[in-house]
Amino acid sequence: MSTPDPREIRFDGVRIHIDSDNTYDQTVAALLSEIGENPEPITDLPAVFFQDWGSFAAEITHHLGSSEFMLMHLIDHGQWLATAGIKRKALRAILGNPLIAITMLRHDLTAGLFAPVEMLILEEDDNRSSLTYIRPSSLMVVDDNPPLRAAALVLDEKLAALAARVAAGKTTSLESA
């Protein structure tokens, strides 16, 4: 049996970087106030929710933060960077919403490579911070696929709005949602 040749598809990702006058800790707190402080791995939900879309969607809604995203995972790069002599805080947050993701995955399952999305919050000089993410549509839409593009652009808007609120420190906390 022969090994199939891999197909290479090139695309250009767009990185968005926002500087913030807020401290690293304030920026992290602002993000978590919007997406929740405890990771919500959707694969840990009881299997019954995967049998029926309506019950799955209802359950997911309970886990969403005020931003319509939920925290799925945190990677604190700052914990291990110091061992390499880099003394800066760096937190990678993986966040998403399966109810948004399905609007893209229906049109191209390979969009799942980039859903959920990620944000990186960095400690900067002068007690400031920054937030970086990749515009989802720049990663997901690599072929002519208008329905996928339309759905990905909605995600772009929601993520950009979240990033702007977090960087500015003007969030809608979970308590007020």
C-alpha atoms as a PDB file:
ATOM      1  CA  MET A   1       0.000   0.000   0.000  1.00  0.00           C
ATOM      2  CA  SER A   2       1.436   3.370  -0.967  1.00  0.00           C
ATOM      3  CA  THR A   3       1.518   6.406   1.279  1.00  0.00           C
ATOM      4  CA  PRO A   4      -0.590   9.272  -0.059  1.00  0.00           C
ATOM      5  CA  ASP A   5       1.212  12.501  -0.835  1.00  0.00           C
ATOM      6  CA  PRO A   6       0.220  15.310   1.513  1.00  0.00           C
ATOM      7  CA  ARG A   7      -1.504  18.293  -0.056  1.00  0.00           C
ATOM      8  CA  GLU A   8      -0.140  21.651   0.990  1.00  0.00           C
ATOM      9  CA  ILE A   9      -2.530  24.605   1.223  1.00  0.00           C
ATOM     10  CA  ARG A  10      -0.952  27.981   1.938  1.00  0.00           C
ATOM     11  CA  PHE A  11      -2.823  30.759   3.695  1.00  0.00           C
ATOM     12  CA  ASP A  12      -2.028  33.992   5.476  1.00  0.00           C
ATOM     13  CA  GLY A  13      -2.983  34.325   9.117  1.00  0.00           C
ATOM     14  CA  VAL A  14      -3.586  37.807  10.508  1.00  0.00           C
ATOM     15  CA  ARG A  15      -2.209  38.475  13.983  1.00  0.00           C
ATOM     16  CA  ILE A  16      -3.964  41.194  15.993  1.00  0.00           C
ATOM     17  CA  HIS A  17      -1.924  42.868  18.765  1.00  0.00           C
ATOM     18  CA  ILE A  18      -3.464  45.337  21.231  1.00  0.00           C
ATOM     19  CA  ASP A  19      -1.399  47.272  23.776  1.00  0.00           C
ATOM     20  CA  SER A  20      -3.127  47.995  27.065  1.00  0.00           C
ATOM     21  CA  ASP A  21      -2.464  50.565  29.756  1.00  0.00           C
ATOM     22  CA  ASN A  22      -3.749  48.018  32.275  1.00  0.00           C
ATOM     23  CA  THR A  23      -1.427  45.766  34.218  1.00  0.00           C
ATOM     24  CA  TYR A  24      -1.056  42.124  33.264  1.00  0.00           C
ATOM     25  CA  ASP A  25      -3.125  41.059  36.281  1.00  0.00           C
ATOM     26  CA  GLN A  26      -5.901  43.540  35.407  1.00  0.00           C
ATOM     27  CA  THR A  27      -5.997  42.321  31.809  1.00  0.00           C
ATOM     28  CA  VAL A  28      -6.152  38.670  32.874  1.00  0.00           C
ATOM     29  CA  ALA A  29      -8.912  39.501  35.365  1.00  0.00           C
ATOM     30  CA  ALA A  30     -10.830  41.378  32.667  1.00  0.00           C
ATOM     31  CA  LEU A  31     -10.645  38.400  30.308  1.00  0.00           C
ATOM     32  CA  LEU A  32     -11.704  35.909  32.966  1.00  0.00           C
ATOM     33  CA  SER A  33     -14.609  38.149  34.005  1.00  0.00           C
ATOM     34  CA  GLU A  34     -15.898  37.776  30.436  1.00  0.00           C
ATOM     35  CA  ILE A  35     -15.280  34.059  29.817  1.00  0.00           C
ATOM     36  CA  GLY A  36     -15.309  32.505  33.281  1.00  0.00           C
ATOM     37  CA  GLU A  37     -12.506  31.500  35.614  1.00  0.00           C
ATOM     38  CA  ASN A  38     -12.885  27.742  35.409  1.00  0.00           C
ATOM     39  CA  PRO A  39     -12.184  25.828  32.202  1.00  0.00           C
ATOM     40  CA  GLU A  40     -15.226  24.148  30.656  1.00  0.00           C
ATOM     41  CA  PRO A  41     -13.986  21.214  28.563  1.00  0.00           C
ATOM     42  CA  ILE A  42     -16.988  20.330  26.420  1.00  0.00           C
ATOM     43  CA  THR A  43     -15.783  16.757  26.032  1.00  0.00           C
ATOM     44  CA  ASP A  44     -16.376  16.288  29.768  1.00  0.00           C
ATOM     45  CA  LEU A  45     -20.101  16.958  29.452  1.00  0.00           C
ATOM     46  CA  PRO A  46     -22.272  13.869  29.912  1.00  0.00           C
ATOM     47  CA  ALA A  47     -22.760  11.909  26.696  1.00  0.00           C
ATOM     48  CA  VAL A  48     -26.522  12.469  26.822  1.00  0.00           C
ATOM     49  CA  PHE A  49     -25.966  16.033  25.612  1.00  0.00           C
ATOM     50  CA  PHE A  50     -24.262  14.739  22.501  1.00  0.00           C
ATOM     51  CA  GLN A  51     -27.323  12.712  21.476  1.00  0.00           C
ATOM     52  CA  ASP A  52     -29.598  15.699  20.925  1.00  0.00           C
ATOM     53  CA  TRP A  53     -28.500  19.116  19.644  1.00  0.00           C
ATOM     54  CA  GLY A  54     -31.208  21.007  21.552  1.00  0.00           C
ATOM     55  CA  SER A  55     -30.197  19.677  24.954  1.00  0.00           C
ATOM     56  CA  PHE A  56     -26.504  20.127  24.121  1.00  0.00           C
ATOM     57  CA  ALA A  57     -27.079  23.758  23.082  1.00  0.00           C
ATOM     58  CA  ALA A  58     -29.110  24.454  26.219  1.00  0.00           C
ATOM     59  CA  GLU A  59     -26.355  23.038  28.423  1.00  0.00           C
ATOM     60  CA  ILE A  60     -23.623  24.988  26.603  1.00  0.00           C
ATOM     61  CA  THR A  61     -25.545  28.226  27.113  1.00  0.00           C
ATOM     62  CA  HIS A  62     -25.246  27.757  30.879  1.00  0.00           C
ATOM     63  CA  HIS A  63     -21.441  27.668  30.592  1.00  0.00           C
ATOM     64  CA  LEU A  64     -20.987  30.793  28.459  1.00  0.00           C
ATOM     65  CA  GLY A  65     -19.639  33.991  29.935  1.00  0.00           C
ATOM     66  CA  SER A  66     -21.086  37.430  29.290  1.00  0.00           C
ATOM     67  CA  SER A  67     -19.007  37.591  26.087  1.00  0.00           C
ATOM     68  CA  GLU A  68     -20.718  34.487  24.648  1.00  0.00           C
ATOM     69  CA  PHE A  69     -17.393  32.648  25.013  1.00  0.00           C
ATOM     70  CA  MET A  70     -16.301  30.206  27.669  1.00  0.00           C
ATOM     71  CA  LEU A  71     -12.866  29.395  28.995  1.00  0.00           C
ATOM     72  CA  MET A  72     -11.732  25.998  27.775  1.00  0.00           C
ATOM     73  CA  HIS A  73      -8.092  25.935  28.886  1.00  0.00           C
ATOM     74  CA  LEU A  74      -5.320  28.124  30.291  1.00  0.00           C
ATOM     75  CA  ILE A  75      -1.604  27.689  29.650  1.00  0.00           C
ATOM     76  CA  ASP A  76       0.545  29.789  31.964  1.00  0.00           C
ATOM     77  CA  HIS A  77       3.766  30.138  29.981  1.00  0.00           C
ATOM     78  CA  GLY A  78       5.131  32.443  32.675  1.00  0.00           C
ATOM     79  CA  GLN A  79       5.434  29.495  35.058  1.00  0.00           C
ATOM     80  CA  TRP A  80       8.077  27.803  32.941  1.00  0.00           C
ATOM     81  CA  LEU A  81       9.645  30.727  31.043  1.00  0.00           C
ATOM     82  CA  ALA A  82      11.629  31.761  34.123  1.00  0.00           C
ATOM     83  CA  THR A  83      13.601  28.517  33.870  1.00  0.00           C
ATOM     84  CA  ALA A  84      14.898  29.802  30.520  1.00  0.00           C
ATOM     85  CA  GLY A  85      15.758  33.201  31.966  1.00  0.00           C
ATOM     86  CA  ILE A  86      12.649  34.981  30.651  1.00  0.00           C
ATOM     87  CA  LYS A  87      11.070  36.802  33.541  1.00  0.00           C
ATOM     88  CA  ARG A  88       7.729  37.897  32.080  1.00  0.00           C
ATOM     89  CA  LYS A  89       4.197  36.793  32.653  1.00  0.00           C
ATOM     90  CA  ALA A  90       2.494  35.178  29.672  1.00  0.00           C
ATOM     91  CA  LEU A  91      -0.897  33.495  29.671  1.00  0.00           C
ATOM     92  CA  ARG A  92      -2.466  31.691  26.737  1.00  0.00           C
ATOM     93  CA  ALA A  93      -6.237  31.327  26.984  1.00  0.00           C
ATOM     94  CA  ILE A  94      -8.187  28.923  24.820  1.00  0.00           C
ATOM     95  CA  LEU A  95     -11.780  30.064  24.573  1.00  0.00           C
ATOM     96  CA  GLY A  96     -14.724  29.250  22.435  1.00  0.00           C
ATOM     97  CA  ASN A  97     -18.394  28.648  21.978  1.00  0.00           C
ATOM     98  CA  PRO A  98     -19.545  25.416  20.334  1.00  0.00           C
ATOM     99  CA  LEU A  99     -22.745  27.180  19.240  1.00  0.00           C
ATOM    100  CA  ILE A 100     -20.623  29.583  17.185  1.00  0.00           C
ATOM    101  CA  ALA A 101     -18.179  26.871  16.085  1.00  0.00           C
ATOM    102  CA  ILE A 102     -20.937  24.760  14.559  1.00  0.00           C
ATOM    103  CA  THR A 103     -21.879  27.637  12.241  1.00  0.00           C
ATOM    104  CA  MET A 104     -18.447  27.195  10.624  1.00  0.00           C
ATOM    105  CA  LEU A 105     -17.942  23.459  10.986  1.00  0.00           C
ATOM    106  CA  ARG A 106     -21.171  22.821   9.056  1.00  0.00           C
ATOM    107  CA  HIS A 107     -19.443  24.337   6.023  1.00  0.00           C
ATOM    108  CA  ASP A 108     -15.918  22.935   6.493  1.00  0.00           C
ATOM    109  CA  LEU A 109     -14.870  20.525   9.228  1.00  0.00           C
ATOM    110  CA  THR A 110     -11.225  21.565   8.809  1.00  0.00           C
ATOM    111  CA  ALA A 111     -12.204  24.912  10.374  1.00  0.00           C
ATOM    112  CA  GLY A 112     -12.033  22.849  13.573  1.00  0.00           C
ATOM    113  CA  LEU A 113      -8.242  23.239  13.438  1.00  0.00           C
ATOM    114  CA  PHE A 114      -8.814  26.823  14.621  1.00  0.00           C
ATOM    115  CA  ALA A 115     -11.865  26.475  16.833  1.00  0.00           C
ATOM    116  CA  PRO A 116     -11.726  27.138  19.691  1.00  0.00           C
ATOM    117  CA  VAL A 117      -9.740  30.359  19.406  1.00  0.00           C
ATOM    118  CA  GLU A 118      -6.824  31.598  21.506  1.00  0.00           C
ATOM    119  CA  MET A 119      -5.619  34.801  23.121  1.00  0.00           C
ATOM    120  CA  LEU A 120      -2.196  35.518  24.561  1.00  0.00           C
ATOM    121  CA  ILE A 121      -1.855  38.089  27.335  1.00  0.00           C
ATOM    122  CA  LEU A 122       1.672  39.352  28.000  1.00  0.00           C
ATOM    123  CA  GLU A 123       3.218  41.425  30.747  1.00  0.00           C
ATOM    124  CA  GLU A 124       4.869  44.458  29.148  1.00  0.00           C
ATOM    125  CA  ASP A 125       7.299  47.102  30.383  1.00  0.00           C
ATOM    126  CA  ASP A 126       6.128  49.966  32.600  1.00  0.00           C
ATOM    127  CA  ASN A 127       3.473  47.853  34.342  1.00  0.00           C
ATOM    128  CA  ARG A 128       1.443  47.508  31.131  1.00  0.00           C
ATOM    129  CA  SER A 129       0.145  44.513  29.196  1.00  0.00           C
ATOM    130  CA  SER A 130      -0.770  43.390  25.705  1.00  0.00           C
ATOM    131  CA  LEU A 131      -3.222  41.004  24.136  1.00  0.00           C
ATOM    132  CA  THR A 132      -2.631  39.090  20.910  1.00  0.00           C
ATOM    133  CA  TYR A 133      -4.864  36.787  18.894  1.00  0.00           C
ATOM    134  CA  ILE A 134      -5.182  35.522  15.346  1.00  0.00           C
ATOM    135  CA  ARG A 135      -8.187  36.691  13.300  1.00  0.00           C
ATOM    136  CA  PRO A 136     -10.126  33.416  12.976  1.00  0.00           C
ATOM    137  CA  SER A 137     -11.349  33.940   9.409  1.00  0.00           C
ATOM    138  CA  SER A 138      -7.747  34.356   8.220  1.00  0.00           C
ATOM    139  CA  LEU A 139      -7.054  30.794   9.352  1.00  0.00           C
ATOM    140  CA  MET A 140     -10.351  29.060   8.632  1.00  0.00           C
ATOM    141  CA  VAL A 141     -11.267  30.284   5.168  1.00  0.00           C
ATOM    142  CA  VAL A 142      -8.631  29.025   2.738  1.00  0.00           C
ATOM    143  CA  ASP A 143     -10.924  28.175  -0.191  1.00  0.00           C
ATOM    144  CA  ASP A 144     -13.817  29.965  -1.889  1.00  0.00           C
ATOM    145  CA  ASN A 145     -16.536  29.131   0.633  1.00  0.00           C
ATOM    146  CA  PRO A 146     -18.985  32.059   1.122  1.00  0.00           C
ATOM    147  CA  PRO A 147     -21.075  30.400   3.887  1.00  0.00           C
ATOM    148  CA  LEU A 148     -17.923  29.596   5.885  1.00  0.00           C
ATOM    149  CA  ARG A 149     -16.567  33.110   5.328  1.00  0.00           C
ATOM    150  CA  ALA A 150     -19.830  34.670   6.541  1.00  0.00           C
ATOM    151  CA  ALA A 151     -19.840  32.558   9.706  1.00  0.00           C
ATOM    152  CA  ALA A 152     -16.123  33.171  10.359  1.00  0.00           C
ATOM    153  CA  LEU A 153     -16.596  36.930   9.983  1.00  0.00           C
ATOM    154  CA  VAL A 154     -19.221  36.833  12.738  1.00  0.00           C
ATOM    155  CA  LEU A 155     -16.664  35.095  14.971  1.00  0.00           C
ATOM    156  CA  ASP A 156     -14.060  37.717  13.982  1.00  0.00           C
ATOM    157  CA  GLU A 157     -16.407  40.487  15.151  1.00  0.00           C
ATOM    158  CA  LYS A 158     -17.255  38.807  18.456  1.00  0.00           C
ATOM    159  CA  LEU A 159     -13.596  38.080  19.230  1.00  0.00           C
ATOM    160  CA  ALA A 160     -12.480  41.601  18.260  1.00  0.00           C
ATOM    161  CA  ALA A 161     -15.148  43.124  20.512  1.00  0.00           C
ATOM    162  CA  LEU A 162     -14.067  40.901  23.402  1.00  0.00           C
ATOM    163  CA  ALA A 163     -10.390  41.749  22.881  1.00  0.00           C
ATOM    164  CA  ALA A 164     -11.125  45.486  22.775  1.00  0.00           C
ATOM    165  CA  ARG A 165     -13.164  45.346  26.001  1.00  0.00           C
ATOM    166  CA  VAL A 166     -10.508  43.276  27.769  1.00  0.00           C
ATOM    167  CA  ALA A 167      -7.620  45.508  26.675  1.00  0.00           C
ATOM    168  CA  ALA A 168      -9.558  48.632  27.719  1.00  0.00           C
ATOM    169  CA  GLY A 169     -10.653  47.059  31.003  1.00  0.00           C
ATOM    170  CA  LYS A 170     -14.307  47.761  30.109  1.00  0.00           C
ATOM    171  CA  THR A 171     -15.822  44.344  30.543  1.00  0.00           C
ATOM    172  CA  THR A 172     -19.251  43.030  31.289  1.00  0.00           C
ATOM    173  CA  SER A 173     -18.674  40.785  34.244  1.00  0.00           C
ATOM    174  CA  LEU A 174     -20.367  37.447  34.677  1.00  0.00           C
ATOM    175  CA  GLU A 175     -22.197  38.806  37.726  1.00  0.00           C
ATOM    176  CA  SER A 176     -23.935  41.451  35.608  1.00  0.00           C
ATOM    177  CA  ALA A 177     -24.822  39.021  32.810  1.00  0.00           C
END
